[in-house]
Every structure is written in structure tokens, then in C-alpha cells.
Amino acid sequence: MSRRDRRISYIGNKIGNIAIDNANIKEGG
């Protein structure tokens, strides 16, 4: 895995976690 791919997947995971957090907040916890 190249350094660039690792950075992209890291950003992708961060965005995914934010989306999950937002969904949890909308559902009230």
C-alpha cells in the first residue's frame, strides 16, 4: 500500500466516522 493510498483511506475513514456520528445524533443518541 502506497503512502498516498494510506492517506486516502485515512480520510475516507474519517469521513465515514463523521457520517456515522451525524446519523447517531439524528436518531437521538
PDB file of N, CA and C in Angstrom:
ATOM      1  N   MET A   1       0.855  -1.193   0.000  1.00  0.00           N
ATOM      2  CA  MET A   1       0.000   0.000   0.000  1.00  0.00           C
ATOM      3  C   MET A   1       0.891   1.245   0.000  1.00  0.00           C
ATOM      4  N   SER A   2       0.658   2.132  -0.937  1.00  0.00           N
ATOM      5  CA  SER A   2       1.498   3.326  -1.010  1.00  0.00           C
ATOM      6  C   SER A   2       1.067   4.349   0.044  1.00  0.00           C
ATOM      7  N   ARG A   3       1.956   5.287   0.283  1.00  0.00           N
ATOM      8  CA  ARG A   3       1.647   6.310   1.289  1.00  0.00           C
ATOM      9  C   ARG A   3       0.405   7.100   0.877  1.00  0.00           C
ATOM     10  N   ARG A   4       0.267   7.364  -0.433  1.00  0.00           N
ATOM     11  CA  ARG A   4      -0.878   8.152  -0.907  1.00  0.00           C
ATOM     12  C   ARG A   4      -2.177   7.379  -0.680  1.00  0.00           C
ATOM     13  N   ASP A   5      -2.159   6.077  -0.959  1.00  0.00           N
ATOM     14  CA  ASP A   5      -3.367   5.268  -0.745  1.00  0.00           C
ATOM     15  C   ASP A   5      -3.725   5.266   0.736  1.00  0.00           C
ATOM     16  N   ARG A   6      -2.714   5.199   1.583  1.00  0.00           N
ATOM     17  CA  ARG A   6      -2.992   5.162   3.021  1.00  0.00           C
ATOM     18  C   ARG A   6      -3.651   6.460   3.452  1.00  0.00           C
ATOM     19  N   ARG A   7      -3.169   7.591   2.902  1.00  0.00           N
ATOM     20  CA  ARG A   7      -3.763   8.883   3.261  1.00  0.00           C
ATOM     21  C   ARG A   7      -5.211   8.952   2.791  1.00  0.00           C
ATOM     22  N   ILE A   8      -5.486   8.459   1.594  1.00  0.00           N
ATOM     23  CA  ILE A   8      -6.860   8.496   1.069  1.00  0.00           C
ATOM     24  C   ILE A   8      -7.779   7.646   1.948  1.00  0.00           C
ATOM     25  N   SER A   9      -7.314   6.462   2.336  1.00  0.00           N
ATOM     26  CA  SER A   9      -8.177   5.594   3.137  1.00  0.00           C
ATOM     27  C   SER A   9      -8.365   6.192   4.532  1.00  0.00           C
ATOM     28  N   TYR A  10      -7.343   6.886   5.051  1.00  0.00           N
ATOM     29  CA  TYR A  10      -7.468   7.537   6.358  1.00  0.00           C
ATOM     30  C   TYR A  10      -8.541   8.619   6.295  1.00  0.00           C
ATOM     31  N   ILE A  11      -8.495   9.431   5.231  1.00  0.00           N
ATOM     32  CA  ILE A  11      -9.507  10.484   5.064  1.00  0.00           C
ATOM     33  C   ILE A  11     -10.885   9.847   4.886  1.00  0.00           C
ATOM     34  N   GLY A  12     -10.959   8.774   4.111  1.00  0.00           N
ATOM     35  CA  GLY A  12     -12.237   8.094   3.901  1.00  0.00           C
ATOM     36  C   GLY A  12     -12.813   7.582   5.212  1.00  0.00           C
ATOM     37  N   ASN A  13     -11.956   7.019   6.066  1.00  0.00           N
ATOM     38  CA  ASN A  13     -12.433   6.523   7.354  1.00  0.00           C
ATOM     39  C   ASN A  13     -12.931   7.672   8.218  1.00  0.00           C
ATOM     40  N   LYS A  14     -12.220   8.795   8.179  1.00  0.00           N
ATOM     41  CA  LYS A  14     -12.626   9.958   8.976  1.00  0.00           C
ATOM     42  C   LYS A  14     -14.000  10.440   8.537  1.00  0.00           C
ATOM     43  N   ILE A  15     -14.205  10.536   7.208  1.00  0.00           N
ATOM     44  CA  ILE A  15     -15.496  10.991   6.682  1.00  0.00           C
ATOM     45  C   ILE A  15     -16.589   9.991   7.079  1.00  0.00           C
ATOM     46  N   GLY A  16     -16.284   8.703   6.993  1.00  0.00           N
ATOM     47  CA  GLY A  16     -17.262   7.680   7.371  1.00  0.00           C
ATOM     48  C   GLY A  16     -17.640   7.793   8.835  1.00  0.00           C
ATOM     49  N   ASN A  17     -16.650   8.052   9.693  1.00  0.00           N
ATOM     50  CA  ASN A  17     -16.939   8.175  11.119  1.00  0.00           C
ATOM     51  C   ASN A  17     -17.799   9.396  11.390  1.00  0.00           C
ATOM     52  N   ILE A  18     -17.529  10.490  10.703  1.00  0.00           N
ATOM     53  CA  ILE A  18     -18.337  11.702  10.894  1.00  0.00           C
ATOM     54  C   ILE A  18     -19.775  11.425  10.455  1.00  0.00           C
ATOM     55  N   ALA A  19     -19.945  10.717   9.332  1.00  0.00           N
ATOM     56  CA  ALA A  19     -21.294  10.407   8.849  1.00  0.00           C
ATOM     57  C   ALA A  19     -22.027   9.536   9.861  1.00  0.00           C
ATOM     58  N   ILE A  20     -21.319   8.574  10.453  1.00  0.00           N
ATOM     59  CA  ILE A  20     -21.949   7.695  11.457  1.00  0.00           C
ATOM     60  C   ILE A  20     -22.347   8.525  12.679  1.00  0.00           C
ATOM     61  N   ASP A  21     -21.461   9.419  13.123  1.00  0.00           N
ATOM     62  CA  ASP A  21     -21.777  10.275  14.274  1.00  0.00           C
ATOM     63  C   ASP A  21     -23.010  11.121  13.982  1.00  0.00           C
ATOM     64  N   ASN A  22     -23.086  11.698  12.793  1.00  0.00           N
ATOM     65  CA  ASN A  22     -24.234  12.530  12.431  1.00  0.00           C
ATOM     66  C   ASN A  22     -25.515  11.705  12.440  1.00  0.00           C
ATOM     67  N   ALA A  23     -25.457  10.466  11.940  1.00  0.00           N
ATOM     68  CA  ALA A  23     -26.636   9.605  11.922  1.00  0.00           C
ATOM     69  C   ALA A  23     -27.058   9.289  13.354  1.00  0.00           C
ATOM     70  N   ASN A  24     -26.087   9.038  14.226  1.00  0.00           N
ATOM     71  CA  ASN A  24     -26.423   8.726  15.617  1.00  0.00           C
ATOM     72  C   ASN A  24     -27.078   9.922  16.293  1.00  0.00           C
ATOM     73  N   ILE A  25     -26.584  11.120  16.019  1.00  0.00           N
ATOM     74  CA  ILE A  25     -27.168  12.325  16.620  1.00  0.00           C
ATOM     75  C   ILE A  25     -28.604  12.498  16.129  1.00  0.00           C
ATOM     76  N   LYS A  26     -28.841  12.271  14.840  1.00  0.00           N
ATOM     77  CA  LYS A  26     -30.193  12.432  14.296  1.00  0.00           C
ATOM     78  C   LYS A  26     -31.164  11.446  14.953  1.00  0.00           C
ATOM     79  N   GLU A  27     -30.653  10.256  15.291  1.00  0.00           N
ATOM     80  CA  GLU A  27     -31.519   9.250  15.891  1.00  0.00           C
ATOM     81  C   GLU A  27     -31.640   9.436  17.405  1.00  0.00           C
ATOM     82  N   GLY A  28     -31.019  10.477  17.921  1.00  0.00           N
ATOM     83  CA  GLY A  28     -31.170  10.774  19.342  1.00  0.00           C
ATOM     84  C   GLY A  28     -30.210   9.992  20.209  1.00  0.00           C
ATOM     85  N   GLY A  29     -29.030   9.667  19.706  1.00  0.00           N
ATOM     86  CA  GLY A  29     -28.063   9.038  20.576  1.00  0.00           C
ATOM     87  C   GLY A  29     -27.471   7.812  19.999  1.00  0.00           C
TER      88      GLY A  29
END
